PDB file of N, CA and C in Angstrom:
ATOM      1  N   MET A   1     -22.002 -12.314 -42.229  1.00  0.00           N
ATOM      2  CA  MET A   1     -23.144 -11.738 -41.725  1.00  0.00           C
ATOM      3  C   MET A   1     -23.097 -10.203 -42.009  1.00  0.00           C
ATOM      4  N   SER A   2     -24.167  -9.388 -42.081  1.00  0.00           N
ATOM      5  CA  SER A   2     -24.337  -8.193 -42.389  1.00  0.00           C
ATOM      6  C   SER A   2     -23.655  -7.132 -41.383  1.00  0.00           C
ATOM      7  N   GLU A   3     -23.048  -6.157 -41.868  1.00  0.00           N
ATOM      8  CA  GLU A   3     -22.647  -5.202 -40.982  1.00  0.00           C
ATOM      9  C   GLU A   3     -23.706  -4.137 -40.513  1.00  0.00           C
ATOM     10  N   PHE A   4     -24.903  -4.388 -40.949  1.00  0.00           N
ATOM     11  CA  PHE A   4     -26.046  -3.472 -40.739  1.00  0.00           C
ATOM     12  C   PHE A   4     -26.868  -4.050 -39.659  1.00  0.00           C
ATOM     13  N   PRO A   5     -27.679  -3.202 -38.896  1.00  0.00           N
ATOM     14  CA  PRO A   5     -28.500  -3.738 -37.801  1.00  0.00           C
ATOM     15  C   PRO A   5     -29.732  -4.571 -38.550  1.00  0.00           C
ATOM     16  N   PRO A   6     -30.368  -5.485 -37.810  1.00  0.00           N
ATOM     17  CA  PRO A   6     -31.552  -6.092 -38.311  1.00  0.00           C
ATOM     18  C   PRO A   6     -32.696  -5.175 -38.500  1.00  0.00           C
ATOM     19  N   CYS A   7     -33.575  -5.460 -39.316  1.00  0.00           N
ATOM     20  CA  CYS A   7     -34.923  -4.752 -39.624  1.00  0.00           C
ATOM     21  C   CYS A   7     -35.512  -4.485 -38.250  1.00  0.00           C
ATOM     22  N   PRO A   8     -35.994  -3.288 -37.851  1.00  0.00           N
ATOM     23  CA  PRO A   8     -36.720  -3.127 -36.593  1.00  0.00           C
ATOM     24  C   PRO A   8     -38.210  -3.713 -36.671  1.00  0.00           C
ATOM     25  N   LYS A   9     -38.727  -3.824 -37.810  1.00  0.00           N
ATOM     26  CA  LYS A   9     -40.064  -4.331 -38.008  1.00  0.00           C
ATOM     27  C   LYS A   9     -40.121  -5.847 -37.928  1.00  0.00           C
ATOM     28  N   CYS A  10     -39.320  -6.631 -38.869  1.00  0.00           N
ATOM     29  CA  CYS A  10     -39.434  -7.948 -38.917  1.00  0.00           C
ATOM     30  C   CYS A  10     -38.200  -8.720 -38.551  1.00  0.00           C
ATOM     31  N   LYS A  11     -37.282  -8.009 -38.065  1.00  0.00           N
ATOM     32  CA  LYS A  11     -35.953  -8.587 -37.528  1.00  0.00           C
ATOM     33  C   LYS A  11     -35.103  -9.426 -38.444  1.00  0.00           C
ATOM     34  N   SER A  12     -35.410  -9.084 -39.759  1.00  0.00           N
ATOM     35  CA  SER A  12     -34.538  -9.762 -40.855  1.00  0.00           C
ATOM     36  C   SER A  12     -33.223  -9.225 -40.855  1.00  0.00           C
ATOM     37  N   GLU A  13     -32.150 -10.074 -41.189  1.00  0.00           N
ATOM     38  CA  GLU A  13     -30.685  -9.742 -41.236  1.00  0.00           C
ATOM     39  C   GLU A  13     -30.348  -9.433 -42.566  1.00  0.00           C
ATOM     40  N   TYR A  14     -31.227  -9.533 -43.588  1.00  0.00           N
ATOM     41  CA  TYR A  14     -30.914  -9.205 -45.071  1.00  0.00           C
ATOM     42  C   TYR A  14     -30.933  -7.667 -45.281  1.00  0.00           C
ATOM     43  N   VAL A  15     -30.640  -6.842 -44.536  1.00  0.00           N
ATOM     44  CA  VAL A  15     -30.839  -5.402 -44.820  1.00  0.00           C
ATOM     45  C   VAL A  15     -29.690  -4.840 -45.688  1.00  0.00           C
ATOM     46  N   TYR A  16     -29.968  -3.881 -46.413  1.00  0.00           N
ATOM     47  CA  TYR A  16     -29.038  -3.205 -47.416  1.00  0.00           C
ATOM     48  C   TYR A  16     -29.180  -1.725 -47.525  1.00  0.00           C
ATOM     49  N   PRO A  17     -28.128  -0.949 -47.731  1.00  0.00           N
ATOM     50  CA  PRO A  17     -28.303   0.518 -47.846  1.00  0.00           C
ATOM     51  C   PRO A  17     -28.757   1.104 -49.081  1.00  0.00           C
ATOM     52  N   SER A  18     -29.289   2.069 -49.161  1.00  0.00           N
ATOM     53  CA  SER A  18     -29.801   2.815 -50.574  1.00  0.00           C
ATOM     54  C   SER A  18     -30.022   4.118 -50.178  1.00  0.00           C
ATOM     55  N   ASP A  19     -29.207   5.187 -50.761  1.00  0.00           N
ATOM     56  CA  ASP A  19     -29.395   6.600 -50.600  1.00  0.00           C
ATOM     57  C   ASP A  19     -29.599   6.948 -49.162  1.00  0.00           C
ATOM     58  N   GLY A  20     -28.607   6.532 -48.367  1.00  0.00           N
ATOM     59  CA  GLY A  20     -28.683   7.062 -46.884  1.00  0.00           C
ATOM     60  C   GLY A  20     -29.634   6.349 -46.068  1.00  0.00           C
ATOM     61  N   LEU A  21     -30.528   5.462 -46.570  1.00  0.00           N
ATOM     62  CA  LEU A  21     -31.477   4.677 -45.739  1.00  0.00           C
ATOM     63  C   LEU A  21     -31.096   3.274 -45.712  1.00  0.00           C
ATOM     64  N   LEU A  22     -31.546   2.580 -44.774  1.00  0.00           N
ATOM     65  CA  LEU A  22     -31.533   1.077 -44.721  1.00  0.00           C
ATOM     66  C   LEU A  22     -32.744   0.560 -45.108  1.00  0.00           C
ATOM     67  N   ILE A  23     -32.783  -0.551 -46.084  1.00  0.00           N
ATOM     68  CA  ILE A  23     -33.955  -1.248 -46.593  1.00  0.00           C
ATOM     69  C   ILE A  23     -34.048  -2.710 -46.237  1.00  0.00           C
ATOM     70  N   CYS A  24     -35.226  -3.146 -45.801  1.00  0.00           N
ATOM     71  CA  CYS A  24     -35.456  -4.460 -45.579  1.00  0.00           C
ATOM     72  C   CYS A  24     -35.971  -5.089 -46.733  1.00  0.00           C
ATOM     73  N   PRO A  25     -35.444  -6.100 -47.400  1.00  0.00           N
ATOM     74  CA  PRO A  25     -36.077  -6.761 -48.671  1.00  0.00           C
ATOM     75  C   PRO A  25     -37.291  -7.737 -48.350  1.00  0.00           C
ATOM     76  N   GLU A  26     -37.440  -8.060 -47.107  1.00  0.00           N
ATOM     77  CA  GLU A  26     -38.464  -9.011 -46.825  1.00  0.00           C
ATOM     78  C   GLU A  26     -39.800  -8.259 -46.453  1.00  0.00           C
ATOM     79  N   CYS A  27     -39.822  -7.211 -45.653  1.00  0.00           N
ATOM     80  CA  CYS A  27     -41.009  -6.401 -45.281  1.00  0.00           C
ATOM     81  C   CYS A  27     -41.079  -5.129 -46.203  1.00  0.00           C
ATOM     82  N   PHE A  28     -39.993  -4.651 -46.892  1.00  0.00           N
ATOM     83  CA  PHE A  28     -40.020  -3.361 -47.607  1.00  0.00           C
ATOM     84  C   PHE A  28     -39.842  -2.194 -46.649  1.00  0.00           C
ATOM     85  N   TYR A  29     -39.532  -2.313 -45.373  1.00  0.00           N
ATOM     86  CA  TYR A  29     -39.517  -1.202 -44.471  1.00  0.00           C
ATOM     87  C   TYR A  29     -38.182  -0.433 -44.628  1.00  0.00           C
ATOM     88  N   GLU A  30     -38.243   0.976 -44.783  1.00  0.00           N
ATOM     89  CA  GLU A  30     -37.105   1.746 -44.874  1.00  0.00           C
ATOM     90  C   GLU A  30     -36.962   2.652 -43.677  1.00  0.00           C
ATOM     91  N   TRP A  31     -35.703   2.726 -43.137  1.00  0.00           N
ATOM     92  CA  TRP A  31     -35.410   3.696 -42.129  1.00  0.00           C
ATOM     93  C   TRP A  31     -34.097   4.308 -42.147  1.00  0.00           C
ATOM     94  N   ASN A  32     -34.172   5.496 -41.284  1.00  0.00           N
ATOM     95  CA  ASN A  32     -32.675   6.180 -41.403  1.00  0.00           C
ATOM     96  C   ASN A  32     -31.750   5.457 -40.271  1.00  0.00           C
ATOM     97  N   PRO A  33     -30.659   4.955 -40.618  1.00  0.00           N
ATOM     98  CA  PRO A  33     -29.860   4.325 -39.464  1.00  0.00           C
ATOM     99  C   PRO A  33     -29.321   5.272 -38.460  1.00  0.00           C
ATOM    100  N   GLU A  34     -29.375   6.770 -38.676  1.00  0.00           N
ATOM    101  CA  GLU A  34     -28.863   7.672 -37.633  1.00  0.00           C
ATOM    102  C   GLU A  34     -30.074   7.924 -36.541  1.00  0.00           C
ATOM    103  N   ASP A  35     -31.262   7.436 -36.835  1.00  0.00           N
ATOM    104  CA  ASP A  35     -32.384   7.658 -35.913  1.00  0.00           C
ATOM    105  C   ASP A  35     -31.991   6.834 -34.507  1.00  0.00           C
ATOM    106  N   VAL A  36     -32.565   7.383 -33.527  1.00  0.00           N
ATOM    107  CA  VAL A  36     -32.213   6.949 -32.100  1.00  0.00           C
ATOM    108  C   VAL A  36     -33.081   5.648 -31.952  1.00  0.00           C
ATOM    109  N   GLU A  37     -32.374   4.614 -31.556  1.00  0.00           N
ATOM    110  CA  GLU A  37     -33.063   3.226 -31.164  1.00  0.00           C
ATOM    111  C   GLU A  37     -33.093   3.161 -29.618  1.00  0.00           C
ATOM    112  N   THR A  38     -34.199   3.042 -29.126  1.00  0.00           N
ATOM    113  CA  THR A  38     -34.423   2.895 -27.744  1.00  0.00           C
ATOM    114  C   THR A  38     -34.059   1.581 -27.381  1.00  0.00           C
ATOM    115  N   GLU A  39     -33.479   1.379 -25.923  1.00  0.00           N
ATOM    116  CA  GLU A  39     -33.037   0.129 -25.527  1.00  0.00           C
ATOM    117  C   GLU A  39     -34.217  -0.853 -25.080  1.00  0.00           C
ATOM    118  N   GLU A  40     -35.275  -0.178 -24.569  1.00  0.00           N
ATOM    119  CA  GLU A  40     -36.199  -1.013 -23.953  1.00  0.00           C
ATOM    120  C   GLU A  40     -37.238  -1.755 -24.991  1.00  0.00           C
ATOM    121  N   THR A  41     -37.610  -1.055 -25.916  1.00  0.00           N
ATOM    122  CA  THR A  41     -38.661  -1.583 -26.901  1.00  0.00           C
ATOM    123  C   THR A  41     -37.837  -2.074 -28.245  1.00  0.00           C
ATOM    124  N   GLY A  42     -36.746  -1.416 -28.650  1.00  0.00           N
ATOM    125  CA  GLY A  42     -36.130  -1.554 -29.928  1.00  0.00           C
ATOM    126  C   GLY A  42     -36.933  -0.770 -30.974  1.00  0.00           C
ATOM    127  N   ASP A  43     -37.774   0.099 -30.629  1.00  0.00           N
ATOM    128  CA  ASP A  43     -38.522   0.972 -31.639  1.00  0.00           C
ATOM    129  C   ASP A  43     -37.582   2.128 -31.996  1.00  0.00           C
ATOM    130  N   ILE A  44     -37.774   2.596 -33.126  1.00  0.00           N
ATOM    131  CA  ILE A  44     -37.067   3.714 -33.637  1.00  0.00           C
ATOM    132  C   ILE A  44     -37.953   5.011 -33.513  1.00  0.00           C
ATOM    133  N   THR A  45     -37.160   5.977 -32.896  1.00  0.00           N
ATOM    134  CA  THR A  45     -38.068   7.323 -32.564  1.00  0.00           C
ATOM    135  C   THR A  45     -37.621   8.261 -33.620  1.00  0.00           C
ATOM    136  N   THR A  46     -38.493   8.913 -34.360  1.00  0.00           N
ATOM    137  CA  THR A  46     -38.058  10.085 -35.112  1.00  0.00           C
ATOM    138  C   THR A  46     -38.619  11.319 -34.697  1.00  0.00           C
ATOM    139  N   LYS A  47     -38.123  12.380 -35.104  1.00  0.00           N
ATOM    140  CA  LYS A  47     -38.697  13.719 -34.647  1.00  0.00           C
ATOM    141  C   LYS A  47     -39.622  13.905 -35.791  1.00  0.00           C
ATOM    142  N   VAL A  48     -40.883  14.661 -35.271  1.00  0.00           N
ATOM    143  CA  VAL A  48     -41.916  15.045 -36.250  1.00  0.00           C
ATOM    144  C   VAL A  48     -41.729  16.518 -36.097  1.00  0.00           C
ATOM    145  N   LEU A  49     -41.571  17.136 -37.275  1.00  0.00           N
ATOM    146  CA  LEU A  49     -41.391  18.760 -37.419  1.00  0.00           C
ATOM    147  C   LEU A  49     -42.613  19.331 -38.022  1.00  0.00           C
ATOM    148  N   ASP A  50     -42.888  20.464 -37.694  1.00  0.00           N
ATOM    149  CA  ASP A  50     -44.094  21.182 -38.357  1.00  0.00           C
ATOM    150  C   ASP A  50     -43.583  21.856 -39.407  1.00  0.00           C
ATOM    151  N   SER A  51     -44.353  22.722 -40.097  1.00  0.00           N
ATOM    152  CA  SER A  51     -43.847  23.454 -41.305  1.00  0.00           C
ATOM    153  C   SER A  51     -42.870  24.555 -41.129  1.00  0.00           C
ATOM    154  N   ASN A  52     -42.650  24.949 -39.947  1.00  0.00           N
ATOM    155  CA  ASN A  52     -41.658  26.068 -39.515  1.00  0.00           C
ATOM    156  C   ASN A  52     -40.336  25.257 -38.971  1.00  0.00           C
ATOM    157  N   GLY A  53     -40.498  23.867 -38.846  1.00  0.00           N
ATOM    158  CA  GLY A  53     -39.175  23.215 -38.293  1.00  0.00           C
ATOM    159  C   GLY A  53     -39.178  23.056 -36.898  1.00  0.00           C
ATOM    160  N   ASN A  54     -40.407  23.270 -36.069  1.00  0.00           N
ATOM    161  CA  ASN A  54     -40.435  23.159 -34.710  1.00  0.00           C
ATOM    162  C   ASN A  54     -40.800  21.636 -34.324  1.00  0.00           C
ATOM    163  N   GLU A  55     -40.246  21.110 -33.485  1.00  0.00           N
ATOM    164  CA  GLU A  55     -40.513  19.680 -33.092  1.00  0.00           C
ATOM    165  C   GLU A  55     -41.894  19.662 -32.442  1.00  0.00           C
ATOM    166  N   LEU A  56     -42.762  18.636 -32.824  1.00  0.00           N
ATOM    167  CA  LEU A  56     -44.027  18.366 -32.250  1.00  0.00           C
ATOM    168  C   LEU A  56     -43.854  17.211 -31.355  1.00  0.00           C
ATOM    169  N   GLN A  57     -44.880  17.248 -30.230  1.00  0.00           N
ATOM    170  CA  GLN A  57     -44.870  16.210 -29.172  1.00  0.00           C
ATOM    171  C   GLN A  57     -46.229  15.952 -29.043  1.00  0.00           C
ATOM    172  N   ASP A  58     -46.649  14.777 -28.512  1.00  0.00           N
ATOM    173  CA  ASP A  58     -47.904  14.328 -28.171  1.00  0.00           C
ATOM    174  C   ASP A  58     -48.605  15.362 -27.221  1.00  0.00           C
ATOM    175  N   GLY A  59     -49.853  15.648 -27.464  1.00  0.00           N
ATOM    176  CA  GLY A  59     -50.424  16.778 -26.653  1.00  0.00           C
ATOM    177  C   GLY A  59     -50.426  18.101 -27.161  1.00  0.00           C
ATOM    178  N   ASP A  60     -49.619  18.427 -28.179  1.00  0.00           N
ATOM    179  CA  ASP A  60     -49.443  19.784 -28.465  1.00  0.00           C
ATOM    180  C   ASP A  60     -50.626  20.296 -29.245  1.00  0.00           C
ATOM    181  N   THR A  61     -50.764  21.564 -29.379  1.00  0.00           N
ATOM    182  CA  THR A  61     -51.899  22.249 -30.182  1.00  0.00           C
ATOM    183  C   THR A  61     -51.220  22.794 -31.254  1.00  0.00           C
ATOM    184  N   VAL A  62     -51.881  22.584 -32.532  1.00  0.00           N
ATOM    185  CA  VAL A  62     -51.321  22.968 -33.761  1.00  0.00           C
ATOM    186  C   VAL A  62     -52.387  23.832 -34.559  1.00  0.00           C
ATOM    187  N   VAL A  63     -51.862  24.602 -35.532  1.00  0.00           N
ATOM    188  CA  VAL A  63     -52.927  25.327 -36.502  1.00  0.00           C
ATOM    189  C   VAL A  63     -52.710  24.872 -37.713  1.00  0.00           C
ATOM    190  N   VAL A  64     -53.723  24.589 -38.475  1.00  0.00           N
ATOM    191  CA  VAL A  64     -53.622  24.247 -40.027  1.00  0.00           C
ATOM    192  C   VAL A  64     -53.355  25.554 -40.872  1.00  0.00           C
ATOM    193  N   ILE A  65     -52.274  25.418 -41.723  1.00  0.00           N
ATOM    194  CA  ILE A  65     -51.851  26.642 -42.405  1.00  0.00           C
ATOM    195  C   ILE A  65     -52.303  26.707 -43.812  1.00  0.00           C
ATOM    196  N   LYS A  66     -53.105  25.746 -44.372  1.00  0.00           N
ATOM    197  CA  LYS A  66     -53.808  25.859 -45.609  1.00  0.00           C
ATOM    198  C   LYS A  66     -55.060  25.057 -45.620  1.00  0.00           C
ATOM    199  N   ASP A  67     -56.002  25.486 -46.551  1.00  0.00           N
ATOM    200  CA  ASP A  67     -57.306  24.749 -46.582  1.00  0.00           C
ATOM    201  C   ASP A  67     -56.996  23.266 -47.050  1.00  0.00           C
ATOM    202  N   LEU A  68     -57.547  22.323 -46.372  1.00  0.00           N
ATOM    203  CA  LEU A  68     -57.326  21.004 -46.598  1.00  0.00           C
ATOM    204  C   LEU A  68     -58.538  20.134 -47.122  1.00  0.00           C
ATOM    205  N   PRO A  69     -58.573  19.751 -48.183  1.00  0.00           N
ATOM    206  CA  PRO A  69     -59.912  19.066 -48.691  1.00  0.00           C
ATOM    207  C   PRO A  69     -59.978  17.678 -47.882  1.00  0.00           C
ATOM    208  N   VAL A  70     -61.229  17.283 -47.551  1.00  0.00           N
ATOM    209  CA  VAL A  70     -61.437  15.989 -46.894  1.00  0.00           C
ATOM    210  C   VAL A  70     -62.320  15.239 -47.748  1.00  0.00           C
ATOM    211  N   LYS A  71     -61.970  13.927 -48.125  1.00  0.00           N
ATOM    212  CA  LYS A  71     -62.721  13.064 -48.863  1.00  0.00           C
ATOM    213  C   LYS A  71     -63.984  12.814 -48.050  1.00  0.00           C
ATOM    214  N   GLY A  72     -65.143  12.887 -48.816  1.00  0.00           N
ATOM    215  CA  GLY A  72     -66.391  12.574 -48.358  1.00  0.00           C
ATOM    216  C   GLY A  72     -67.059  13.702 -47.639  1.00  0.00           C
ATOM    217  N   ALA A  73     -66.340  14.856 -47.331  1.00  0.00           N
ATOM    218  CA  ALA A  73     -66.945  16.013 -46.651  1.00  0.00           C
ATOM    219  C   ALA A  73     -67.174  17.079 -47.679  1.00  0.00           C
ATOM    220  N   PRO A  74     -68.306  17.870 -47.271  1.00  0.00           N
ATOM    221  CA  PRO A  74     -68.554  18.893 -48.372  1.00  0.00           C
ATOM    222  C   PRO A  74     -67.688  20.061 -48.256  1.00  0.00           C
ATOM    223  N   LYS A  75     -67.155  20.291 -47.184  1.00  0.00           N
ATOM    224  CA  LYS A  75     -66.182  21.377 -47.028  1.00  0.00           C
ATOM    225  C   LYS A  75     -64.811  21.070 -46.670  1.00  0.00           C
ATOM    226  N   PRO A  76     -63.835  21.913 -46.946  1.00  0.00           N
ATOM    227  CA  PRO A  76     -62.496  21.596 -46.525  1.00  0.00           C
ATOM    228  C   PRO A  76     -62.291  22.026 -44.994  1.00  0.00           C
ATOM    229  N   ILE A  77     -61.272  21.572 -44.447  1.00  0.00           N
ATOM    230  CA  ILE A  77     -60.653  22.163 -43.178  1.00  0.00           C
ATOM    231  C   ILE A  77     -60.097  23.462 -43.495  1.00  0.00           C
ATOM    232  N   LYS A  78     -60.623  24.492 -42.902  1.00  0.00           N
ATOM    233  CA  LYS A  78     -60.025  25.887 -43.169  1.00  0.00           C
ATOM    234  C   LYS A  78     -58.814  26.186 -42.713  1.00  0.00           C
ATOM    235  N   SER A  79     -58.051  27.003 -43.278  1.00  0.00           N
ATOM    236  CA  SER A  79     -56.770  27.456 -42.745  1.00  0.00           C
ATOM    237  C   SER A  79     -57.082  28.364 -41.502  1.00  0.00           C
ATOM    238  N   GLY A  80     -56.124  28.068 -40.446  1.00  0.00           N
ATOM    239  CA  GLY A  80     -56.387  28.781 -39.209  1.00  0.00           C
ATOM    240  C   GLY A  80     -57.129  27.955 -38.265  1.00  0.00           C
ATOM    241  N   THR A  81     -57.684  26.743 -38.497  1.00  0.00           N
ATOM    242  CA  THR A  81     -58.306  25.851 -37.598  1.00  0.00           C
ATOM    243  C   THR A  81     -57.251  25.371 -36.590  1.00  0.00           C
ATOM    244  N   LYS A  82     -57.611  25.566 -35.264  1.00  0.00           N
ATOM    245  CA  LYS A  82     -56.819  24.986 -34.277  1.00  0.00           C
ATOM    246  C   LYS A  82     -57.308  23.639 -33.864  1.00  0.00           C
ATOM    247  N   VAL A  83     -56.147  22.754 -33.736  1.00  0.00           N
ATOM    248  CA  VAL A  83     -56.369  21.393 -33.371  1.00  0.00           C
ATOM    249  C   VAL A  83     -55.558  21.120 -31.968  1.00  0.00           C
ATOM    250  N   LYS A  84     -56.361  20.759 -30.983  1.00  0.00           N
ATOM    251  CA  LYS A  84     -55.873  20.583 -29.712  1.00  0.00           C
ATOM    252  C   LYS A  84     -55.408  18.998 -29.461  1.00  0.00           C
ATOM    253  N   ASN A  85     -54.544  18.656 -28.632  1.00  0.00           N
ATOM    254  CA  ASN A  85     -54.225  17.394 -28.081  1.00  0.00           C
ATOM    255  C   ASN A  85     -53.874  16.442 -29.231  1.00  0.00           C
ATOM    256  N   ILE A  86     -52.850  16.841 -30.053  1.00  0.00           N
ATOM    257  CA  ILE A  86     -52.638  15.817 -31.246  1.00  0.00           C
ATOM    258  C   ILE A  86     -51.820  14.573 -30.641  1.00  0.00           C
ATOM    259  N   ARG A  87     -51.810  13.500 -31.436  1.00  0.00           N
ATOM    260  CA  ARG A  87     -50.920  12.323 -31.118  1.00  0.00           C
ATOM    261  C   ARG A  87     -50.181  12.085 -32.345  1.00  0.00           C
ATOM    262  N   LEU A  88     -48.920  11.794 -32.029  1.00  0.00           N
ATOM    263  CA  LEU A  88     -48.038  11.402 -33.159  1.00  0.00           C
ATOM    264  C   LEU A  88     -48.091  10.076 -33.477  1.00  0.00           C
ATOM    265  N   THR A  89     -47.960   9.608 -34.640  1.00  0.00           N
ATOM    266  CA  THR A  89     -47.811   8.205 -35.182  1.00  0.00           C
ATOM    267  C   THR A  89     -46.866   8.042 -36.084  1.00  0.00           C
ATOM    268  N   ASP A  90     -46.653   6.719 -36.508  1.00  0.00           N
ATOM    269  CA  ASP A  90     -45.843   6.365 -37.573  1.00  0.00           C
ATOM    270  C   ASP A  90     -46.574   6.130 -38.864  1.00  0.00           C
ATOM    271  N   GLY A  91     -47.303   7.122 -39.297  1.00  0.00           N
ATOM    272  CA  GLY A  91     -48.171   6.847 -40.617  1.00  0.00           C
ATOM    273  C   GLY A  91     -47.302   6.445 -41.770  1.00  0.00           C
ATOM    274  N   ASN A  92     -47.652   5.152 -42.360  1.00  0.00           N
ATOM    275  CA  ASN A  92     -47.012   4.811 -43.638  1.00  0.00           C
ATOM    276  C   ASN A  92     -47.387   5.643 -44.849  1.00  0.00           C
ATOM    277  N   ASP A  93     -48.435   6.377 -44.865  1.00  0.00           N
ATOM    278  CA  ASP A  93     -48.851   7.167 -45.870  1.00  0.00           C
ATOM    279  C   ASP A  93     -48.470   8.707 -45.697  1.00  0.00           C
ATOM    280  N   GLY A  94     -47.610   8.994 -44.754  1.00  0.00           N
ATOM    281  CA  GLY A  94     -47.278  10.397 -44.557  1.00  0.00           C
ATOM    282  C   GLY A  94     -48.157  11.230 -43.516  1.00  0.00           C
ATOM    283  N   HIS A  95     -49.383  10.511 -43.068  1.00  0.00           N
ATOM    284  CA  HIS A  95     -50.050  11.151 -42.132  1.00  0.00           C
ATOM    285  C   HIS A  95     -49.635  10.854 -40.731  1.00  0.00           C
ATOM    286  N   ASN A  96     -48.690  11.689 -40.148  1.00  0.00           N
ATOM    287  CA  ASN A  96     -48.076  11.299 -38.793  1.00  0.00           C
ATOM    288  C   ASN A  96     -48.707  11.971 -37.735  1.00  0.00           C
ATOM    289  N   ILE A  97     -49.956  12.550 -37.899  1.00  0.00           N
ATOM    290  CA  ILE A  97     -50.556  13.304 -36.772  1.00  0.00           C
ATOM    291  C   ILE A  97     -52.006  12.791 -36.794  1.00  0.00           C
ATOM    292  N   ASP A  98     -52.563  12.081 -35.558  1.00  0.00           N
ATOM    293  CA  ASP A  98     -53.900  11.645 -35.331  1.00  0.00           C
ATOM    294  C   ASP A  98     -54.401  12.788 -34.514  1.00  0.00           C
ATOM    295  N   CYS A  99     -55.711  13.207 -34.817  1.00  0.00           N
ATOM    296  CA  CYS A  99     -56.316  14.237 -34.033  1.00  0.00           C
ATOM    297  C   CYS A  99     -57.846  14.058 -34.153  1.00  0.00           C
ATOM    298  N   LYS A 100     -58.510  14.983 -33.426  1.00  0.00           N
ATOM    299  CA  LYS A 100     -60.023  15.021 -33.640  1.00  0.00           C
ATOM    300  C   LYS A 100     -60.334  16.562 -34.135  1.00  0.00           C
ATOM    301  N   ILE A 101     -60.953  16.734 -35.043  1.00  0.00           N
ATOM    302  CA  ILE A 101     -61.168  18.097 -35.511  1.00  0.00           C
ATOM    303  C   ILE A 101     -62.643  18.476 -35.329  1.00  0.00           C
ATOM    304  N   GLU A 102     -63.120  19.459 -34.510  1.00  0.00           N
ATOM    305  CA  GLU A 102     -64.529  19.725 -34.308  1.00  0.00           C
ATOM    306  C   GLU A 102     -65.255  19.788 -35.747  1.00  0.00           C
ATOM    307  N   GLY A 103     -66.267  19.231 -36.113  1.00  0.00           N
ATOM    308  CA  GLY A 103     -67.123  19.310 -37.241  1.00  0.00           C
ATOM    309  C   GLY A 103     -66.534  18.259 -38.194  1.00  0.00           C
ATOM    310  N   PHE A 104     -65.472  17.569 -38.043  1.00  0.00           N
ATOM    311  CA  PHE A 104     -64.923  16.534 -38.962  1.00  0.00           C
ATOM    312  C   PHE A 104     -64.695  15.149 -38.161  1.00  0.00           C
ATOM    313  N   GLY A 105     -64.277  15.102 -37.012  1.00  0.00           N
ATOM    314  CA  GLY A 105     -64.172  13.865 -36.265  1.00  0.00           C
ATOM    315  C   GLY A 105     -62.712  13.470 -36.248  1.00  0.00           C
ATOM    316  N   SER A 106     -62.420  12.283 -36.031  1.00  0.00           N
ATOM    317  CA  SER A 106     -61.056  11.792 -36.036  1.00  0.00           C
ATOM    318  C   SER A 106     -60.369  11.594 -37.416  1.00  0.00           C
ATOM    319  N   MET A 107     -59.066  12.113 -37.423  1.00  0.00           N
ATOM    320  CA  MET A 107     -58.574  12.032 -38.863  1.00  0.00           C
ATOM    321  C   MET A 107     -57.090  12.178 -38.698  1.00  0.00           C
ATOM    322  N   GLY A 108     -56.407  11.923 -39.787  1.00  0.00           N
ATOM    323  CA  GLY A 108     -54.904  12.026 -39.921  1.00  0.00           C
ATOM    324  C   GLY A 108     -54.482  13.182 -40.582  1.00  0.00           C
ATOM    325  N   LEU A 109     -53.445  13.962 -40.161  1.00  0.00           N
ATOM    326  CA  LEU A 109     -52.882  15.132 -40.676  1.00  0.00           C
ATOM    327  C   LEU A 109     -51.581  14.934 -41.124  1.00  0.00           C
ATOM    328  N   LYS A 110     -51.011  15.621 -41.998  1.00  0.00           N
ATOM    329  CA  LYS A 110     -49.535  15.554 -42.347  1.00  0.00           C
ATOM    330  C   LYS A 110     -48.925  16.778 -41.668  1.00  0.00           C
ATOM    331  N   SER A 111     -47.721  16.503 -40.990  1.00  0.00           N
ATOM    332  CA  SER A 111     -47.135  17.606 -40.146  1.00  0.00           C
ATOM    333  C   SER A 111     -46.758  18.731 -41.170  1.00  0.00           C
ATOM    334  N   GLU A 112     -46.540  18.636 -42.380  1.00  0.00           N
ATOM    335  CA  GLU A 112     -46.216  19.770 -43.225  1.00  0.00           C
ATOM    336  C   GLU A 112     -47.237  20.752 -43.379  1.00  0.00           C
ATOM    337  N   PHE A 113     -48.382  20.578 -43.143  1.00  0.00           N
ATOM    338  CA  PHE A 113     -49.504  21.386 -43.236  1.00  0.00           C
ATOM    339  C   PHE A 113     -49.999  22.025 -41.875  1.00  0.00           C
ATOM    340  N   VAL A 114     -49.294  21.917 -40.846  1.00  0.00           N
ATOM    341  CA  VAL A 114     -49.687  22.498 -39.655  1.00  0.00           C
ATOM    342  C   VAL A 114     -48.422  23.314 -38.988  1.00  0.00           C
ATOM    343  N   ARG A 115     -48.641  24.175 -38.095  1.00  0.00           N
ATOM    344  CA  ARG A 115     -47.566  24.887 -37.427  1.00  0.00           C
ATOM    345  C   ARG A 115     -47.909  24.713 -35.808  1.00  0.00           C
ATOM    346  N   LYS A 116     -47.012  24.766 -34.874  1.00  0.00           N
ATOM    347  CA  LYS A 116     -47.199  24.714 -33.683  1.00  0.00           C
ATOM    348  C   LYS A 116     -47.891  25.996 -33.196  1.00  0.00           C
ATOM    349  N   ALA A 117     -48.871  25.731 -32.246  1.00  0.00           N
ATOM    350  CA  ALA A 117     -49.612  27.000 -31.768  1.00  0.00           C
ATOM    351  C   ALA A 117     -48.776  27.572 -30.655  1.00  0.00           C
TER     352      ALA A 117
END
């Protein structure tokens, strides 16, 4: 048997290491084995950091640090836009913040383009 823990997504036991991460060959999920695993759910929790390295939490208020173009919108989200009551997600495409921005609606943001207010 493998000396590595099973995949947290599909529970496959065929996990292998690569560049400090563990990879599941069945569902292609990658994770850091040093992340904390909670006992109740088995979910892996990771810290989400803003552009300055501050840890973000659900319900925080953040400020956008650069103009962000939005597909289908005539104008970008301007630098300095304040976003209240964020929700952290495990976005596969890098968008790990869900929020509502006035004038744009619901959308996902990357934490590297915001700072904690």
